Amino acid sequence: MQELIQGSVDTYYNSDFAEVKREDDAARHNTQGIAYSKNGEHARAIAAFNKAVKLDLHFAEAYYNRGCAYDGKGDYEKAIEDYCAAIKHNPNFAEAYNNRRNTYKKKGTAYKTYGDYSIAIKLAPQLTEAYYNRGTDSLKEGSYNDAIRDYDTAIERQPKFPQFYNARGVAYENDSEILAVLSRYKVAVGLEARVPKVRISYGEEYYSEAELRAAIEDYSTAIDLKPNYAEAYFNRGRAHFKKGESDAAIKDYSTAIALKSDYAEAYLNLGVAYDSRDEFDAALENYNISVSLASDLPIAYSHRGAASLRKGKVKSAIEDYNTVLSLNPDYTAVYYKRGIAWLYVREWEKAKTDLIAAKDRGMAIMQTFHDDYRNVVTFEQKTGVHLPEDITGLLIPQKGLAELEKETRLALALKYYKSGAISTGLAAQLVGISREAFWYLMGDYGLSLFELTEDLLAELDNASKTNYQ
């Protein structure tokens, strides 16, 4: 089984070649093909499987095994054709459903076989890899509780697989943010919150400590089972950092790098950890390494730009922000960051353009400016730059911090609604407005009611009935 990376959830577990059950020539060719495949001789394996299916056109296992061989060669189209043939000749072939979805995912067309893992599980509840694979699907979709349940089952079945613990740790870690944000804002709008320990800060840094502890325990178990597991060290370091444990994070990131010297993301996160301690030279050194290893990683340029700005290297910061936006024009936060950088060199129009672009994309720029500088006076004292009134109007709330709170709530509600984590009703409650008002706001931020789910249509129908009763 391939290993799982950050979150990164594109890994697959292919079943072993099907057991041969037929004592005839077709079965002998199938057996020979299995031997070739296990040695990595995919071309010879395919030739043997060709003979098997030529002798027995209904030999589901041979089609399946040939599909595995094509998969090994990277010929995904033919692999899918063979998995489909295996299913046609044996509709109860659980492994074929499992592998077919794996291969569609590799092709980038996973939507075509969305239910294959569930079918495999229904046909063969003992098929551990199908639970793991379905868990990775749920993880990518943001359905963290569903992912955790499937990983629980996989771990119960095979408790010695470090990848299962690493994957569940990622799910717990992601769920920590969802739980904490909902808890924080449920309290704000007078709803019941059931997450007792939440790390609270301005902006979007909200995490449930209980979930982070569970994630760290899973990463540690994965490391115990596989001491050279670089990705698990990386993930544990990230969870420690979210808990505010920068020493432990730096130690884990450094270990990940020692195990995997070209680990660009680990250098990046190590830089972030040093950055949080105001060790800007160490941060920049690690950002530079990260960029050199992965020149197409926008977030590395973003962090390096911020560190350069803190050291007074405004030109370098703007160059990095330009690179980020050339790689990803939708990177909202970088419009704000570049806008602030333009202020340092008194490029007022460029600053306004970027700050407005960030605001129009849903970023709470007043809240962010407040978090970064507290107020305009502090910014001017720090930079020696006097801001014109039209700029201060963009950055200073006219109605105090209560308005900032509402702006932040709106940004978070839009974020979690877009991800599918919450409904329009809960999103509206988080903002403190009616659901109908939130629908209007959706249009302002490029979200359409008519491109969404059946759940939303049901909500609309129910609201219509309520209005006329």
Protein backbone atom coordinates (compact mmCIF):
# COMPACT_ATOMS: atom_id res chain seq x y z
CA MET A 1 0.00 0.00 0.00
CA GLN A 2 1.33 3.44 -0.84
CA GLU A 3 1.85 5.91 1.97
CA LEU A 4 -0.48 8.80 2.93
CA ILE A 5 0.97 12.49 2.79
CA GLN A 6 -0.52 15.90 4.90
CA GLY A 7 -3.71 15.53 4.24
CA SER A 8 -2.83 14.66 1.09
CA VAL A 9 -5.36 11.91 0.42
CA ASP A 10 -4.56 10.49 -3.07
CA THR A 11 -3.42 6.96 -1.99
CA TYR A 12 -4.83 3.58 -2.91
CA TYR A 13 -4.73 0.06 -1.58
CA ASN A 14 -5.00 -2.55 -4.35
CA SER A 15 -6.05 -6.05 -3.41
CA ASP A 16 -3.69 -8.92 -4.04
CA PHE A 17 -4.22 -10.93 -7.20
CA ALA A 18 -7.28 -13.12 -7.01
CA GLU A 19 -6.82 -16.74 -6.02
CA VAL A 20 -6.87 -19.20 -8.84
CA LYS A 21 -9.69 -21.68 -8.49
CA ARG A 22 -9.81 -23.39 -11.88
CA GLU A 23 -7.71 -26.43 -12.68
CA ASP A 24 -7.48 -26.04 -16.46
CA ASP A 25 -5.31 -24.34 -19.05
CA ALA A 26 -6.89 -20.94 -18.45
CA ALA A 27 -6.15 -21.29 -14.75
CA ARG A 28 -2.52 -22.23 -15.44
CA HIS A 29 -2.03 -19.15 -17.61
CA ASN A 30 -3.67 -17.06 -14.89
CA THR A 31 -1.31 -18.53 -12.29
CA GLN A 32 1.66 -17.78 -14.52
CA GLY A 33 0.46 -14.21 -15.00
CA ILE A 34 0.20 -13.72 -11.25
CA ALA A 35 3.81 -14.84 -10.82
CA TYR A 36 5.01 -12.41 -13.51
CA SER A 37 3.01 -9.57 -11.94
CA LYS A 38 4.46 -10.14 -8.50
CA ASN A 39 7.93 -9.83 -10.06
CA GLY A 40 6.95 -6.56 -11.73
CA GLU A 41 7.01 -8.12 -15.22
CA HIS A 42 3.76 -6.53 -16.31
CA ALA A 43 4.12 -7.11 -20.07
CA ARG A 44 4.69 -10.85 -19.62
CA ALA A 45 1.88 -10.99 -17.07
CA ILE A 46 -0.54 -9.36 -19.51
CA ALA A 47 0.43 -11.85 -22.22
CA ALA A 48 -0.36 -14.73 -19.85
CA PHE A 49 -3.69 -13.23 -18.80
CA ASN A 50 -4.55 -12.70 -22.48
CA LYS A 51 -4.21 -16.44 -23.00
CA ALA A 52 -6.36 -17.13 -19.94
CA VAL A 53 -9.28 -14.97 -21.07
CA LYS A 54 -8.98 -16.25 -24.64
CA LEU A 55 -9.50 -19.79 -23.34
CA ASP A 56 -12.27 -18.74 -20.94
CA LEU A 57 -14.16 -15.60 -21.93
CA HIS A 58 -15.98 -15.55 -18.56
CA PHE A 59 -12.87 -15.84 -16.36
CA ALA A 60 -13.54 -12.86 -14.06
CA GLU A 61 -10.36 -13.35 -11.99
CA ALA A 62 -8.16 -13.22 -15.08
CA TYR A 63 -9.75 -9.96 -16.24
CA TYR A 64 -9.25 -8.56 -12.75
CA ASN A 65 -5.61 -9.67 -12.59
CA ARG A 66 -4.91 -8.26 -16.05
CA GLY A 67 -6.45 -5.01 -14.86
CA CYS A 68 -3.98 -5.00 -11.95
CA ALA A 69 -1.12 -5.51 -14.40
CA TYR A 70 -2.29 -2.67 -16.63
CA ASP A 71 -2.64 -0.57 -13.50
CA GLY A 72 0.97 -1.33 -12.62
CA LYS A 73 2.04 -0.15 -16.07
CA GLY A 74 0.07 3.07 -15.74
CA ASP A 75 -2.34 2.12 -18.52
CA TYR A 76 -5.42 3.16 -16.59
CA GLU A 77 -7.91 3.00 -19.45
CA LYS A 78 -7.23 -0.68 -20.09
CA ALA A 79 -7.13 -1.41 -16.37
CA ILE A 80 -10.61 0.09 -15.96
CA GLU A 81 -11.90 -1.90 -18.94
CA ASP A 82 -10.69 -5.11 -17.30
CA TYR A 83 -12.13 -4.26 -13.87
CA CYS A 84 -15.46 -3.57 -15.60
CA ALA A 85 -15.20 -6.90 -17.43
CA ALA A 86 -14.49 -8.67 -14.13
CA ILE A 87 -17.59 -7.08 -12.60
CA LYS A 88 -19.68 -7.96 -15.66
CA HIS A 89 -18.76 -11.63 -15.34
CA ASN A 90 -18.94 -11.63 -11.55
CA PRO A 91 -21.19 -8.84 -10.16
CA ASN A 92 -20.18 -9.84 -6.60
CA PHE A 93 -16.45 -9.21 -7.20
CA ALA A 94 -15.74 -6.80 -4.33
CA GLU A 95 -12.03 -6.35 -5.08
CA ALA A 96 -12.82 -5.30 -8.65
CA TYR A 97 -15.10 -2.51 -7.41
CA ASN A 98 -12.41 -1.40 -4.97
CA ASN A 99 -9.67 -1.29 -7.59
CA ARG A 100 -11.87 0.25 -10.27
CA ARG A 101 -12.49 3.31 -8.12
CA ASN A 102 -8.79 3.51 -7.22
CA THR A 103 -7.92 3.66 -10.90
CA TYR A 104 -10.59 6.21 -11.76
CA LYS A 105 -9.13 8.38 -8.98
CA LYS A 106 -5.68 8.09 -10.50
CA LYS A 107 -7.17 9.25 -13.81
CA GLY A 108 -8.83 12.20 -12.10
CA THR A 109 -12.35 11.02 -12.92
CA ALA A 110 -13.37 9.56 -9.58
CA TYR A 111 -16.91 10.93 -9.87
CA LYS A 112 -17.74 8.17 -12.35
CA THR A 113 -17.61 5.45 -9.69
CA TYR A 114 -18.49 7.29 -6.50
CA GLY A 115 -20.19 4.33 -4.80
CA ASP A 116 -17.68 1.58 -5.65
CA TYR A 117 -16.08 1.38 -2.20
CA SER A 118 -19.48 1.13 -0.51
CA ILE A 119 -20.49 -1.64 -2.93
CA ALA A 120 -17.24 -3.47 -2.19
CA ILE A 121 -17.89 -3.19 1.56
CA LYS A 122 -21.46 -4.43 1.19
CA LEU A 123 -20.27 -7.43 -0.85
CA ALA A 124 -17.25 -8.17 1.34
CA PRO A 125 -17.46 -6.58 4.81
CA GLN A 126 -14.09 -8.12 5.60
CA LEU A 127 -12.34 -6.09 2.85
CA THR A 128 -10.30 -3.76 5.06
CA GLU A 129 -8.75 -1.76 2.21
CA ALA A 130 -12.18 -0.67 1.01
CA TYR A 131 -12.90 0.96 4.38
CA TYR A 132 -9.54 2.73 4.23
CA ASN A 133 -10.11 3.90 0.68
CA ARG A 134 -13.64 5.11 1.40
CA GLY A 135 -12.20 6.97 4.36
CA THR A 136 -9.79 8.83 2.07
CA ASP A 137 -12.72 9.84 -0.12
CA SER A 138 -14.60 11.21 2.89
CA LEU A 139 -11.46 12.99 4.05
CA LYS A 140 -11.06 14.79 0.72
CA GLU A 141 -14.73 15.77 0.76
CA GLY A 142 -14.50 17.24 4.27
CA SER A 143 -16.71 14.52 5.82
CA TYR A 144 -14.31 13.97 8.69
CA ASN A 145 -16.62 11.99 10.97
CA ASP A 146 -17.36 9.53 8.15
CA ALA A 147 -13.63 9.23 7.46
CA ILE A 148 -12.88 8.58 11.13
CA ARG A 149 -15.53 5.84 11.29
CA ASP A 150 -14.04 4.04 8.29
CA TYR A 151 -10.50 4.41 9.62
CA ASP A 152 -11.71 3.04 12.98
CA THR A 153 -12.94 -0.08 11.17
CA ALA A 154 -9.72 -0.44 9.19
CA ILE A 155 -7.63 -0.12 12.37
CA GLU A 156 -9.81 -2.60 14.22
CA ARG A 157 -9.28 -5.10 11.39
CA GLN A 158 -5.55 -4.47 10.87
CA PRO A 159 -4.10 -2.63 13.91
CA LYS A 160 -0.50 -2.86 12.69
CA PHE A 161 -0.82 -0.64 9.62
CA PRO A 162 0.81 2.74 10.35
CA GLN A 163 -0.87 4.37 7.32
CA PHE A 164 -4.30 3.83 8.87
CA TYR A 165 -3.33 5.74 12.02
CA ASN A 166 -1.71 8.52 10.01
CA ALA A 167 -4.86 8.90 7.92
CA ARG A 168 -7.12 8.98 10.97
CA GLY A 169 -4.82 11.57 12.53
CA VAL A 170 -5.31 13.80 9.49
CA ALA A 171 -9.08 13.41 9.82
CA TYR A 172 -9.02 14.30 13.53
CA GLU A 173 -6.78 17.28 12.82
CA ASN A 174 -9.07 18.65 10.13
CA ASP A 175 -12.12 18.01 12.26
CA SER A 176 -10.55 20.02 15.07
CA GLU A 177 -10.95 23.22 13.04
CA ILE A 178 -14.55 22.52 12.04
CA LEU A 179 -15.57 21.67 15.62
CA ALA A 180 -13.83 24.67 17.12
CA VAL A 181 -15.21 27.19 14.64
CA LEU A 182 -18.74 25.91 15.05
CA SER A 183 -18.37 25.85 18.83
CA ARG A 184 -17.03 29.40 18.93
CA TYR A 185 -19.76 30.84 16.78
CA LYS A 186 -22.58 28.78 18.19
CA VAL A 187 -21.77 30.46 21.50
CA ALA A 188 -21.72 33.83 19.75
CA VAL A 189 -25.23 33.37 18.36
CA GLY A 190 -26.69 31.72 21.45
CA LEU A 191 -26.69 28.08 20.35
CA GLU A 192 -25.52 25.10 22.37
CA ALA A 193 -21.85 24.26 21.90
CA ARG A 194 -20.42 20.87 22.88
CA VAL A 195 -16.71 21.41 22.40
CA PRO A 196 -15.44 22.32 25.87
CA LYS A 197 -11.81 23.16 25.04
CA VAL A 198 -11.19 25.46 22.14
CA ARG A 199 -8.14 27.51 21.34
CA ILE A 200 -9.51 30.96 20.48
CA SER A 201 -7.71 33.66 18.53
CA TYR A 202 -8.61 36.33 16.02
CA GLY A 203 -8.92 35.38 12.38
CA GLU A 204 -9.39 31.71 11.54
CA GLU A 205 -7.05 29.95 13.98
CA TYR A 206 -9.62 27.92 15.88
CA TYR A 207 -8.92 24.34 16.91
CA SER A 208 -10.46 21.80 19.24
CA GLU A 209 -7.68 20.69 21.58
CA ALA A 210 -9.33 17.31 22.18
CA GLU A 211 -9.29 16.50 18.48
CA LEU A 212 -5.68 17.67 18.12
CA ARG A 213 -4.66 15.41 21.00
CA ALA A 214 -6.35 12.48 19.28
CA ALA A 215 -4.50 13.34 16.06
CA ILE A 216 -1.14 13.49 17.84
CA GLU A 217 -1.80 10.11 19.47
CA ASP A 218 -2.53 8.56 16.07
CA TYR A 219 0.57 10.07 14.46
CA SER A 220 2.65 8.79 17.39
CA THR A 221 1.23 5.29 16.96
CA ALA A 222 2.04 5.41 13.25
CA ILE A 223 5.62 6.40 14.13
CA ASP A 224 5.90 3.61 16.70
CA LEU A 225 4.86 1.13 14.03
CA LYS A 226 7.10 2.69 11.38
CA PRO A 227 9.97 4.74 12.87
CA ASN A 228 11.12 6.11 9.47
CA TYR A 229 7.65 7.46 8.58
CA ALA A 230 8.54 11.01 7.49
CA GLU A 231 4.96 12.01 6.68
CA ALA A 232 3.74 11.04 10.15
CA TYR A 233 6.46 13.19 11.75
CA PHE A 234 5.43 16.05 9.46
CA ASN A 235 1.76 15.66 10.36
CA ARG A 236 2.50 15.40 14.09
CA GLY A 237 4.63 18.53 13.86
CA ARG A 238 1.74 20.39 12.27
CA ALA A 239 -0.66 19.28 15.02
CA HIS A 240 1.84 20.32 17.72
CA PHE A 241 2.17 23.72 16.09
CA LYS A 242 -1.61 24.19 16.08
CA LYS A 243 -1.55 23.47 19.81
CA GLY A 244 1.04 26.21 20.27
CA GLU A 245 3.88 23.73 20.93
CA SER A 246 6.52 25.20 18.62
CA ASP A 247 9.47 23.31 20.17
CA ALA A 248 7.80 19.95 19.55
CA ALA A 249 6.78 21.06 16.05
CA ILE A 250 10.35 22.09 15.14
CA LYS A 251 11.67 18.77 16.41
CA ASP A 252 9.18 16.78 14.33
CA TYR A 253 9.70 18.83 11.17
CA SER A 254 13.46 18.45 11.53
CA THR A 255 13.11 14.69 11.90
CA ALA A 256 10.88 14.55 8.79
CA ILE A 257 13.58 16.42 6.85
CA ALA A 258 16.31 14.12 8.16
CA LEU A 259 14.30 11.17 6.86
CA LYS A 260 13.35 12.84 3.56
CA SER A 261 15.84 15.51 2.49
CA ASP A 262 13.72 16.85 -0.39
CA TYR A 263 10.60 17.36 1.74
CA ALA A 264 9.64 20.88 0.57
CA GLU A 265 6.50 21.08 2.73
CA ALA A 266 8.48 20.19 5.86
CA TYR A 267 10.99 22.98 5.20
CA LEU A 268 8.06 25.35 4.66
CA ASN A 269 6.38 24.40 7.94
CA LEU A 270 9.69 24.52 9.78
CA GLY A 271 10.02 28.09 8.50
CA VAL A 272 6.54 28.91 9.78
CA ALA A 273 7.44 27.54 13.22
CA TYR A 274 10.57 29.70 13.38
CA ASP A 275 8.54 32.65 12.07
CA SER A 276 6.11 32.29 14.98
CA ARG A 277 9.06 32.75 17.35
CA ASP A 278 10.28 35.87 15.49
CA GLU A 279 13.36 33.97 14.32
CA PHE A 280 13.10 35.50 10.87
CA ASP A 281 16.55 34.54 9.57
CA ALA A 282 15.91 30.87 10.31
CA ALA A 283 12.44 31.19 8.81
CA LEU A 284 13.77 32.73 5.59
CA GLU A 285 16.47 30.08 5.29
CA ASN A 286 13.85 27.33 5.37
CA TYR A 287 11.47 29.17 3.03
CA ASN A 288 14.32 29.52 0.53
CA ILE A 289 14.99 25.78 0.65
CA SER A 290 11.29 25.02 0.25
CA VAL A 291 11.04 27.25 -2.84
CA SER A 292 14.18 25.70 -4.33
CA LEU A 293 12.70 22.22 -3.93
CA ALA A 294 9.17 23.09 -5.11
CA SER A 295 9.11 26.21 -7.27
CA ASP A 296 5.38 25.79 -7.94
CA LEU A 297 4.31 25.91 -4.26
CA PRO A 298 2.41 29.23 -3.87
CA ILE A 299 2.19 29.12 -0.08
CA ALA A 300 5.98 28.97 0.23
CA TYR A 301 6.35 32.24 -1.69
CA SER A 302 3.55 33.74 0.40
CA HIS A 303 5.29 32.96 3.68
CA ARG A 304 8.67 34.05 2.36
CA GLY A 305 7.14 37.32 1.21
CA ALA A 306 5.67 37.96 4.67
CA ALA A 307 9.00 37.22 6.35
CA SER A 308 10.82 39.51 3.91
CA LEU A 309 8.35 42.31 4.66
CA ARG A 310 8.94 41.94 8.39
CA LYS A 311 12.66 42.34 7.74
CA GLY A 312 12.02 45.47 5.67
CA LYS A 313 12.71 43.85 2.29
CA VAL A 314 9.62 45.28 0.62
CA LYS A 315 10.71 44.72 -2.98
CA SER A 316 11.48 41.05 -2.31
CA ALA A 317 8.11 40.63 -0.59
CA ILE A 318 6.19 42.12 -3.53
CA GLU A 319 8.12 39.93 -5.98
CA ASP A 320 7.13 36.85 -4.00
CA TYR A 321 3.49 37.93 -3.84
CA ASN A 322 3.53 38.51 -7.61
CA THR A 323 4.81 34.96 -8.06
CA VAL A 324 2.05 33.57 -5.82
CA LEU A 325 -0.68 35.27 -7.84
CA SER A 326 0.86 34.16 -11.13
CA LEU A 327 0.67 30.57 -9.83
CA ASN A 328 -2.75 30.96 -8.21
CA PRO A 329 -4.78 34.10 -9.10
CA ASP A 330 -7.45 33.05 -6.56
CA TYR A 331 -5.14 33.20 -3.53
CA THR A 332 -7.25 35.78 -1.67
CA ALA A 333 -4.99 36.43 1.33
CA VAL A 334 -2.09 37.39 -0.91
CA TYR A 335 -4.03 40.28 -2.42
CA TYR A 336 -4.31 41.65 1.12
CA LYS A 337 -0.64 40.96 1.86
CA ARG A 338 0.54 42.61 -1.34
CA GLY A 339 -1.79 45.52 -0.67
CA ILE A 340 -0.13 46.08 2.71
CA ALA A 341 3.31 45.82 1.09
CA TRP A 342 2.36 48.55 -1.41
CA LEU A 343 1.56 50.80 1.56
CA TYR A 344 5.17 50.54 2.73
CA VAL A 345 6.33 52.18 -0.53
CA ARG A 346 3.36 54.62 -0.77
CA GLU A 347 1.88 53.04 -3.89
CA TRP A 348 -1.63 54.06 -2.84
CA GLU A 349 -3.61 53.06 -5.94
CA LYS A 350 -1.96 49.66 -6.18
CA ALA A 351 -2.61 49.15 -2.48
CA LYS A 352 -6.28 50.08 -2.83
CA THR A 353 -6.71 47.78 -5.81
CA ASP A 354 -5.28 44.80 -3.93
CA LEU A 355 -7.10 45.49 -0.66
CA ILE A 356 -10.43 45.83 -2.46
CA ALA A 357 -9.70 42.63 -4.40
CA ALA A 358 -9.16 40.78 -1.12
CA LYS A 359 -12.33 42.23 0.38
CA ASP A 360 -14.40 41.43 -2.72
CA ARG A 361 -13.22 37.81 -2.48
CA GLY A 362 -14.68 37.51 1.02
CA MET A 363 -11.64 38.28 3.19
CA ALA A 364 -12.28 40.17 6.44
CA ILE A 365 -9.52 42.72 5.78
CA MET A 366 -10.48 45.01 8.68
CA GLN A 367 -10.24 42.13 11.13
CA THR A 368 -6.94 40.98 9.63
CA PHE A 369 -5.45 44.48 9.77
CA HIS A 370 -6.60 44.77 13.39
CA ASP A 371 -4.93 41.43 14.19
CA ASP A 372 -1.69 42.45 12.47
CA TYR A 373 -1.33 46.07 13.58
CA ARG A 374 -4.18 46.79 16.04
CA ASN A 375 -4.79 50.25 14.49
CA VAL A 376 -3.56 52.78 11.95
CA VAL A 377 -1.50 54.69 14.52
CA THR A 378 0.49 51.56 15.35
CA PHE A 379 1.03 50.85 11.64
CA GLU A 380 2.23 54.38 10.98
CA GLN A 381 4.59 54.31 13.95
CA LYS A 382 6.02 50.97 12.84
CA THR A 383 6.49 51.88 9.19
CA GLY A 384 6.94 55.64 9.24
CA VAL A 385 4.24 55.83 6.55
CA HIS A 386 1.25 58.18 6.92
CA LEU A 387 -1.84 56.63 5.33
CA PRO A 388 -4.31 58.70 3.29
CA GLU A 389 -7.96 58.78 4.38
CA ASP A 390 -9.28 56.55 1.57
CA ILE A 391 -6.88 53.80 2.67
CA THR A 392 -7.75 54.12 6.35
CA GLY A 393 -11.42 53.89 5.38
CA LEU A 394 -10.73 50.42 3.98
CA LEU A 395 -8.84 49.25 7.05
CA ILE A 396 -10.58 50.79 10.03
CA PRO A 397 -14.11 49.71 11.08
CA GLN A 398 -16.58 52.55 11.32
CA LYS A 399 -18.73 50.71 13.88
CA GLY A 400 -16.08 49.29 16.20
CA LEU A 401 -14.98 45.74 16.93
CA ALA A 402 -18.54 44.40 16.90
CA GLU A 403 -18.58 45.05 13.16
CA LEU A 404 -15.24 43.30 12.84
CA GLU A 405 -16.69 40.28 14.61
CA LYS A 406 -19.61 40.20 12.18
CA GLU A 407 -17.27 40.51 9.18
CA THR A 408 -15.18 37.59 10.44
CA ARG A 409 -18.28 35.52 11.07
CA LEU A 410 -19.42 36.15 7.50
CA ALA A 411 -16.04 35.13 6.05
CA LEU A 412 -16.05 31.90 8.07
CA ALA A 413 -19.69 31.12 7.31
CA LEU A 414 -19.00 31.48 3.58
CA LYS A 415 -15.88 29.34 3.83
CA TYR A 416 -17.56 26.46 5.65
CA TYR A 417 -20.74 26.68 3.59
CA LYS A 418 -18.71 26.43 0.36
CA SER A 419 -16.88 23.38 1.74
CA GLY A 420 -20.21 21.68 2.51
CA ALA A 421 -19.52 21.54 6.25
CA ILE A 422 -22.62 23.54 7.24
CA SER A 423 -26.05 24.32 5.78
CA THR A 424 -27.34 27.75 4.76
CA GLY A 425 -29.43 27.79 7.94
CA LEU A 426 -26.45 27.31 10.26
CA ALA A 427 -24.32 29.66 8.16
CA ALA A 428 -26.96 32.36 8.60
CA GLN A 429 -27.02 31.75 12.35
CA LEU A 430 -23.24 32.09 12.52
CA VAL A 431 -23.46 35.48 10.80
CA GLY A 432 -26.45 36.50 12.90
CA ILE A 433 -28.82 37.15 10.00
CA SER A 434 -31.87 35.46 8.50
CA ARG A 435 -31.43 32.60 6.07
CA GLU A 436 -33.02 34.66 3.29
CA ALA A 437 -30.51 37.47 3.91
CA PHE A 438 -27.68 34.94 3.69
CA TRP A 439 -29.01 33.76 0.32
CA TYR A 440 -28.69 37.31 -0.98
CA LEU A 441 -25.15 37.53 0.41
CA MET A 442 -24.25 34.31 -1.39
CA GLY A 443 -24.86 36.03 -4.70
CA ASP A 444 -22.58 38.91 -3.68
CA TYR A 445 -19.77 36.40 -3.16
CA GLY A 446 -20.26 34.39 -6.34
CA LEU A 447 -22.26 31.50 -4.84
CA SER A 448 -25.33 30.40 -6.76
CA LEU A 449 -28.36 28.75 -5.25
CA PHE A 450 -28.91 26.87 -8.46
CA GLU A 451 -25.59 25.03 -8.51
CA LEU A 452 -26.00 23.42 -5.12
CA THR A 453 -27.32 20.27 -3.55
CA GLU A 454 -30.70 18.67 -3.15
CA ASP A 455 -30.48 19.60 0.56
CA LEU A 456 -30.46 23.27 -0.39
CA LEU A 457 -33.42 22.79 -2.72
CA ALA A 458 -35.27 21.16 0.17
CA GLU A 459 -34.38 24.12 2.38
CA LEU A 460 -35.74 26.52 -0.23
CA ASP A 461 -38.96 24.52 -0.51
CA ASN A 462 -39.44 24.39 3.26
CA ALA A 463 -38.77 28.11 3.58
CA SER A 464 -41.33 28.84 0.87
CA LYS A 465 -43.96 26.77 2.65
CA THR A 466 -43.20 28.49 5.94
CA ASN A 467 -43.55 31.95 4.39
CA TYR A 468 -47.02 31.20 3.09
CA GLN A 469 -48.49 29.36 6.07
